[in-house]
Each structure stands twice: as C-alpha cells, then as structure tokens.
C-alpha cells in the first residue's frame, strides 16, 4: 500500500482492523476524547525530533541527508495519523470534504502582513 493507490477509507479500515485485533475499544472503537488526547502526546513526540534543530539541520532533512531522523519522524507522524483516522471514522468525518472546505476558507481569507518574528 502507498499514497498513490490507497484511499483514505482504506486506511481508516486498516486502522480499525488493527484496533479490533488488539482489542482496543468496544468493537474496535476507542473513546474519541481519549483518541484526541493521545494525538497530542504523539504530536509532542513528533515535535521532539525538530526540537533545537537549526536551519541547516532542517534543510538536511528536506534534502534527504538525514534518513534516520526522517524515519523517526515518519513513525511518529504515522501514530498521529492513525489516531486521526480513528477519530474521523468514529465521528463520521469525511476527511477529503473537510480538507477541501478548509482550503476554501483559507483561500478566502484576506492576506495577513508578513511578520518576520513568527
């Protein structure tokens, strides 16, 4: 499976099947409040891999010169995504619909002045 040939629905189902195999939640459905909280923990673990990196290190990541760190980032990102897929499946959220809705909202916002301190 890869991004080019896998639907979001298929990923949601794969994560649900994992939850069923592991006995997580009731019939593979975990409490969405707990899932959302767990996402923040995983997001913190993802951010840890960027903590204290200077611009040169970030550029090295983007240029493929630090594959070990990228692999660790990918693993933490997968955790975040898996919780997100669980949450959206449980709450009946169509990810594509919501992403497209948000893109439209952002597209129609007036531009903000550039602030170099951000």
N, C-alpha and C. Protein backbone atom coordinates (compact mmCIF):
# COMPACT_ATOMS: atom_id res chain seq x y z
N UNK A 1 0.85 -1.18 0.00
CA UNK A 1 0.00 0.00 0.00
C UNK A 1 0.89 1.24 0.00
N UNK A 2 0.47 2.25 -0.75
CA UNK A 2 1.17 3.53 -0.74
C UNK A 2 0.17 4.65 -1.04
N UNK A 3 0.64 5.90 -0.96
CA UNK A 3 -0.25 7.05 -1.15
C UNK A 3 -0.92 7.06 -2.52
N UNK A 4 -0.25 6.56 -3.53
CA UNK A 4 -0.79 6.64 -4.89
C UNK A 4 -1.96 5.70 -5.13
N UNK A 5 -2.01 4.59 -4.40
CA UNK A 5 -3.06 3.62 -4.69
C UNK A 5 -3.92 3.24 -3.48
N UNK A 6 -3.88 4.05 -2.43
CA UNK A 6 -4.65 3.75 -1.22
C UNK A 6 -5.60 4.90 -0.91
N UNK A 7 -6.86 4.57 -0.71
CA UNK A 7 -7.82 5.61 -0.35
C UNK A 7 -7.77 5.88 1.15
N UNK A 8 -8.29 7.02 1.53
CA UNK A 8 -8.39 7.35 2.95
C UNK A 8 -9.32 6.35 3.63
N UNK A 9 -10.38 5.97 2.95
CA UNK A 9 -11.31 4.98 3.52
C UNK A 9 -10.60 3.67 3.82
N UNK A 10 -9.72 3.26 2.91
CA UNK A 10 -8.97 2.01 3.13
C UNK A 10 -8.05 2.14 4.33
N UNK A 11 -7.44 3.29 4.50
CA UNK A 11 -6.58 3.50 5.68
C UNK A 11 -7.41 3.47 6.97
N UNK A 12 -8.56 4.13 6.94
CA UNK A 12 -9.44 4.10 8.11
C UNK A 12 -9.77 2.65 8.48
N UNK A 13 -10.07 1.85 7.47
CA UNK A 13 -10.42 0.45 7.71
C UNK A 13 -9.22 -0.34 8.24
N UNK A 14 -8.04 -0.09 7.72
CA UNK A 14 -6.84 -0.78 8.21
C UNK A 14 -6.60 -0.48 9.69
N UNK A 15 -6.76 0.79 10.06
CA UNK A 15 -6.57 1.17 11.47
C UNK A 15 -7.66 0.53 12.33
N UNK A 16 -8.89 0.51 11.83
CA UNK A 16 -9.98 -0.13 12.57
C UNK A 16 -9.70 -1.62 12.78
N UNK A 17 -9.22 -2.28 11.75
CA UNK A 17 -8.89 -3.71 11.87
C UNK A 17 -7.78 -3.93 12.90
N UNK A 18 -6.81 -3.02 12.96
CA UNK A 18 -5.76 -3.11 13.98
C UNK A 18 -6.37 -3.00 15.37
N UNK A 19 -7.28 -2.05 15.55
CA UNK A 19 -7.94 -1.88 16.85
C UNK A 19 -8.71 -3.14 17.24
N UNK A 20 -9.38 -3.74 16.27
CA UNK A 20 -10.09 -4.99 16.53
C UNK A 20 -9.12 -6.10 16.94
N UNK A 21 -8.01 -6.25 16.19
CA UNK A 21 -7.02 -7.29 16.50
C UNK A 21 -6.43 -7.11 17.89
N UNK A 22 -6.21 -5.86 18.27
CA UNK A 22 -5.57 -5.57 19.56
C UNK A 22 -6.58 -5.51 20.71
N UNK A 23 -7.87 -5.53 20.38
CA UNK A 23 -8.89 -5.44 21.42
C UNK A 23 -9.01 -4.05 22.01
N UNK A 24 -8.68 -3.04 21.23
CA UNK A 24 -8.76 -1.66 21.70
C UNK A 24 -10.17 -1.13 21.50
N UNK A 25 -10.75 -0.62 22.54
CA UNK A 25 -12.08 -0.03 22.45
C UNK A 25 -13.17 -1.09 22.40
N UNK A 26 -14.39 -0.63 22.24
CA UNK A 26 -15.54 -1.51 22.12
C UNK A 26 -15.76 -1.74 20.63
N UNK A 27 -15.61 -3.00 20.22
CA UNK A 27 -15.71 -3.36 18.81
C UNK A 27 -14.75 -2.54 17.94
N UNK A 28 -13.57 -2.27 18.48
CA UNK A 28 -12.55 -1.55 17.73
C UNK A 28 -12.72 -0.05 17.70
N UNK A 29 -13.64 0.47 18.48
CA UNK A 29 -13.89 1.92 18.51
C UNK A 29 -13.48 2.45 19.88
N UNK A 30 -12.45 3.28 19.88
CA UNK A 30 -11.98 3.88 21.13
C UNK A 30 -12.69 5.20 21.37
N UNK A 31 -12.76 5.60 22.62
CA UNK A 31 -13.39 6.87 23.01
C UNK A 31 -12.72 8.02 22.27
N UNK A 32 -13.49 8.81 21.50
CA UNK A 32 -12.87 9.88 20.71
C UNK A 32 -12.16 10.93 21.55
N UNK A 33 -12.63 11.15 22.76
CA UNK A 33 -11.94 12.10 23.64
C UNK A 33 -10.55 11.58 23.98
N UNK A 34 -10.43 10.31 24.29
CA UNK A 34 -9.13 9.71 24.61
C UNK A 34 -8.23 9.70 23.37
N UNK A 35 -8.82 9.43 22.22
CA UNK A 35 -8.04 9.42 20.98
C UNK A 35 -7.48 10.81 20.70
N UNK A 36 -8.30 11.84 20.86
CA UNK A 36 -7.84 13.22 20.62
C UNK A 36 -6.72 13.58 21.59
N UNK A 37 -6.84 13.17 22.84
CA UNK A 37 -5.77 13.45 23.81
C UNK A 37 -4.50 12.69 23.45
N UNK A 38 -4.65 11.44 23.02
CA UNK A 38 -3.48 10.65 22.62
C UNK A 38 -2.78 11.28 21.43
N UNK A 39 -3.56 11.91 20.53
CA UNK A 39 -2.95 12.58 19.37
C UNK A 39 -1.98 13.66 19.82
N UNK A 40 -2.33 14.38 20.89
CA UNK A 40 -1.44 15.46 21.34
C UNK A 40 -0.13 14.89 21.88
N UNK A 41 -0.22 13.74 22.54
CA UNK A 41 1.00 13.10 23.05
C UNK A 41 1.90 12.70 21.88
N UNK A 42 1.30 12.08 20.87
CA UNK A 42 2.07 11.66 19.69
C UNK A 42 2.61 12.86 18.94
N UNK A 43 1.84 13.94 18.88
CA UNK A 43 2.32 15.15 18.20
C UNK A 43 3.53 15.72 18.94
N UNK A 44 3.51 15.65 20.26
CA UNK A 44 4.67 16.10 21.04
C UNK A 44 5.89 15.24 20.73
N UNK A 45 5.68 13.93 20.59
CA UNK A 45 6.80 13.06 20.24
C UNK A 45 7.33 13.38 18.86
N UNK A 46 6.44 13.74 17.94
CA UNK A 46 6.87 14.16 16.60
C UNK A 46 7.70 15.44 16.68
N UNK A 47 7.20 16.41 17.44
CA UNK A 47 7.90 17.68 17.56
C UNK A 47 9.27 17.55 18.20
N UNK A 48 9.42 16.55 19.06
CA UNK A 48 10.71 16.32 19.72
C UNK A 48 11.84 16.16 18.71
N UNK A 49 11.53 15.58 17.56
CA UNK A 49 12.57 15.35 16.54
C UNK A 49 13.01 16.64 15.86
N UNK A 50 12.26 17.71 16.06
CA UNK A 50 12.62 19.01 15.48
C UNK A 50 13.17 19.97 16.53
N UNK A 51 13.03 19.60 17.80
CA UNK A 51 13.45 20.50 18.87
C UNK A 51 14.94 20.81 18.75
N UNK A 52 15.24 22.09 18.78
CA UNK A 52 16.59 22.62 18.78
C UNK A 52 17.32 22.47 17.45
N UNK A 53 16.66 22.02 16.39
CA UNK A 53 17.33 21.97 15.09
C UNK A 53 17.51 23.38 14.56
N UNK A 54 18.67 23.64 14.01
CA UNK A 54 18.86 24.92 13.34
C UNK A 54 18.45 24.77 11.87
N UNK A 55 18.48 25.87 11.16
CA UNK A 55 18.02 25.87 9.76
C UNK A 55 18.80 24.88 8.90
N UNK A 56 20.08 24.74 9.13
CA UNK A 56 20.90 23.82 8.33
C UNK A 56 20.44 22.37 8.53
N UNK A 57 20.08 22.02 9.75
CA UNK A 57 19.60 20.66 10.01
C UNK A 57 18.25 20.40 9.36
N UNK A 58 17.39 21.42 9.38
CA UNK A 58 16.08 21.28 8.73
C UNK A 58 16.28 21.13 7.22
N UNK A 59 17.18 21.91 6.66
CA UNK A 59 17.48 21.77 5.23
C UNK A 59 18.03 20.38 4.91
N UNK A 60 18.84 19.84 5.80
CA UNK A 60 19.37 18.49 5.59
C UNK A 60 18.24 17.46 5.57
N UNK A 61 17.26 17.62 6.46
CA UNK A 61 16.09 16.74 6.45
C UNK A 61 15.38 16.82 5.11
N UNK A 62 15.15 18.04 4.66
CA UNK A 62 14.40 18.25 3.41
C UNK A 62 15.16 17.76 2.19
N UNK A 63 16.49 17.75 2.28
CA UNK A 63 17.32 17.31 1.15
C UNK A 63 17.61 15.81 1.20
N UNK A 64 17.10 15.12 2.23
CA UNK A 64 17.31 13.68 2.31
C UNK A 64 18.66 13.28 2.89
N UNK A 65 19.32 14.21 3.60
CA UNK A 65 20.64 13.91 4.15
C UNK A 65 20.61 13.40 5.59
N UNK A 66 19.41 13.17 6.12
CA UNK A 66 19.30 12.63 7.47
C UNK A 66 18.18 11.59 7.49
N UNK A 67 18.37 10.49 6.76
CA UNK A 67 17.29 9.49 6.63
C UNK A 67 16.90 8.84 7.95
N UNK A 68 17.83 8.73 8.89
CA UNK A 68 17.49 8.13 10.18
C UNK A 68 16.47 8.99 10.93
N UNK A 69 16.71 10.30 10.95
CA UNK A 69 15.76 11.19 11.63
C UNK A 69 14.44 11.22 10.88
N UNK A 70 14.47 11.22 9.56
CA UNK A 70 13.23 11.19 8.78
C UNK A 70 12.43 9.93 9.09
N UNK A 71 13.10 8.80 9.27
CA UNK A 71 12.40 7.56 9.61
C UNK A 71 11.73 7.68 10.98
N UNK A 72 12.39 8.31 11.94
CA UNK A 72 11.78 8.50 13.26
C UNK A 72 10.60 9.46 13.17
N UNK A 73 10.74 10.52 12.37
CA UNK A 73 9.64 11.46 12.17
C UNK A 73 8.46 10.75 11.52
N UNK A 74 8.75 9.91 10.52
CA UNK A 74 7.69 9.18 9.82
C UNK A 74 6.92 8.28 10.78
N UNK A 75 7.62 7.62 11.68
CA UNK A 75 6.95 6.73 12.63
C UNK A 75 6.02 7.51 13.56
N UNK A 76 6.49 8.65 14.05
CA UNK A 76 5.64 9.46 14.94
C UNK A 76 4.47 10.06 14.16
N UNK A 77 4.73 10.47 12.91
CA UNK A 77 3.65 11.01 12.08
C UNK A 77 2.59 9.93 11.85
N UNK A 78 3.01 8.70 11.64
CA UNK A 78 2.06 7.60 11.45
C UNK A 78 1.18 7.44 12.68
N UNK A 79 1.76 7.57 13.88
CA UNK A 79 0.96 7.49 15.11
C UNK A 79 -0.11 8.58 15.12
N UNK A 80 0.29 9.81 14.80
CA UNK A 80 -0.66 10.93 14.78
C UNK A 80 -1.77 10.65 13.76
N UNK A 81 -1.37 10.22 12.58
CA UNK A 81 -2.36 9.95 11.52
C UNK A 81 -3.30 8.81 11.90
N UNK A 82 -2.76 7.77 12.51
CA UNK A 82 -3.61 6.64 12.89
C UNK A 82 -4.68 7.08 13.90
N UNK A 83 -4.29 7.89 14.87
CA UNK A 83 -5.28 8.41 15.81
C UNK A 83 -6.28 9.31 15.08
N UNK A 84 -5.80 10.12 14.15
CA UNK A 84 -6.69 10.98 13.37
C UNK A 84 -7.68 10.18 12.54
N UNK A 85 -7.21 9.10 11.95
CA UNK A 85 -8.09 8.24 11.17
C UNK A 85 -9.13 7.57 12.06
N UNK A 86 -8.71 7.15 13.27
CA UNK A 86 -9.67 6.58 14.22
C UNK A 86 -10.74 7.60 14.59
N UNK A 87 -10.29 8.81 14.90
CA UNK A 87 -11.20 9.87 15.32
C UNK A 87 -12.22 10.19 14.23
N UNK A 88 -11.74 10.35 13.01
CA UNK A 88 -12.65 10.72 11.92
C UNK A 88 -13.59 9.57 11.57
N UNK A 89 -13.12 8.34 11.67
CA UNK A 89 -14.00 7.20 11.40
C UNK A 89 -15.10 7.13 12.45
N UNK A 90 -14.73 7.26 13.73
CA UNK A 90 -15.68 7.18 14.83
C UNK A 90 -16.74 8.27 14.76
N UNK A 91 -16.32 9.49 14.39
CA UNK A 91 -17.24 10.62 14.37
C UNK A 91 -17.90 10.83 13.01
N UNK A 92 -17.58 9.97 12.04
CA UNK A 92 -18.21 10.08 10.72
C UNK A 92 -17.76 11.31 9.95
N UNK A 93 -16.52 11.70 10.12
CA UNK A 93 -15.97 12.89 9.43
C UNK A 93 -15.35 12.44 8.12
N UNK A 94 -15.76 13.08 7.04
CA UNK A 94 -15.18 12.83 5.72
C UNK A 94 -13.95 13.74 5.60
N UNK A 95 -12.78 13.16 5.64
CA UNK A 95 -11.54 13.93 5.65
C UNK A 95 -11.40 14.78 4.40
N UNK A 96 -11.61 14.19 3.24
CA UNK A 96 -11.46 14.94 1.99
C UNK A 96 -12.40 16.14 1.96
N UNK A 97 -13.65 15.91 2.32
CA UNK A 97 -14.64 17.00 2.33
C UNK A 97 -14.19 18.13 3.26
N UNK A 98 -13.69 17.77 4.44
CA UNK A 98 -13.29 18.79 5.41
C UNK A 98 -12.01 19.51 5.00
N UNK A 99 -11.08 18.80 4.40
CA UNK A 99 -9.86 19.46 3.92
C UNK A 99 -10.20 20.44 2.81
N UNK A 100 -11.05 20.02 1.89
CA UNK A 100 -11.44 20.91 0.79
C UNK A 100 -12.21 22.13 1.32
N UNK A 101 -13.05 21.91 2.32
CA UNK A 101 -13.79 23.01 2.95
C UNK A 101 -12.81 24.00 3.58
N UNK A 102 -11.80 23.48 4.28
CA UNK A 102 -10.83 24.34 4.95
C UNK A 102 -9.96 25.09 3.94
N UNK A 103 -9.60 24.44 2.84
CA UNK A 103 -8.84 25.12 1.79
C UNK A 103 -9.63 26.30 1.27
N UNK A 104 -10.93 26.12 1.06
CA UNK A 104 -11.78 27.21 0.58
C UNK A 104 -11.83 28.35 1.59
N UNK A 105 -11.93 28.02 2.87
CA UNK A 105 -11.94 29.05 3.91
C UNK A 105 -10.64 29.84 3.88
N UNK A 106 -9.52 29.16 3.84
CA UNK A 106 -8.21 29.83 3.85
C UNK A 106 -8.02 30.65 2.58
N UNK A 107 -8.45 30.10 1.43
CA UNK A 107 -8.34 30.84 0.17
C UNK A 107 -9.08 32.17 0.21
N UNK A 108 -10.14 32.25 0.98
CA UNK A 108 -10.96 33.47 1.01
C UNK A 108 -10.63 34.40 2.17
N UNK A 109 -9.61 34.07 2.93
CA UNK A 109 -9.16 34.98 3.98
C UNK A 109 -8.32 36.08 3.37
N UNK A 110 -8.44 37.29 3.91
CA UNK A 110 -7.55 38.34 3.41
C UNK A 110 -6.11 38.04 3.82
N UNK A 111 -5.14 38.40 2.99
CA UNK A 111 -3.74 38.14 3.36
C UNK A 111 -3.34 38.92 4.61
N UNK A 112 -2.52 38.28 5.42
CA UNK A 112 -2.01 38.93 6.62
C UNK A 112 -0.65 39.51 6.29
N UNK A 113 -0.33 40.65 6.89
CA UNK A 113 1.00 41.22 6.64
C UNK A 113 2.09 40.28 7.16
N UNK A 114 3.20 40.27 6.47
CA UNK A 114 4.32 39.42 6.85
C UNK A 114 4.90 39.89 8.18
N UNK A 115 5.11 38.95 9.11
CA UNK A 115 5.69 39.25 10.40
C UNK A 115 6.90 38.33 10.56
N UNK A 116 8.14 38.86 10.42
CA UNK A 116 9.33 38.02 10.50
C UNK A 116 9.55 37.38 11.86
N UNK A 117 8.85 37.81 12.88
CA UNK A 117 9.03 37.26 14.24
C UNK A 117 8.19 36.00 14.45
N UNK A 118 7.35 35.65 13.50
CA UNK A 118 6.52 34.44 13.65
C UNK A 118 7.31 33.23 13.36
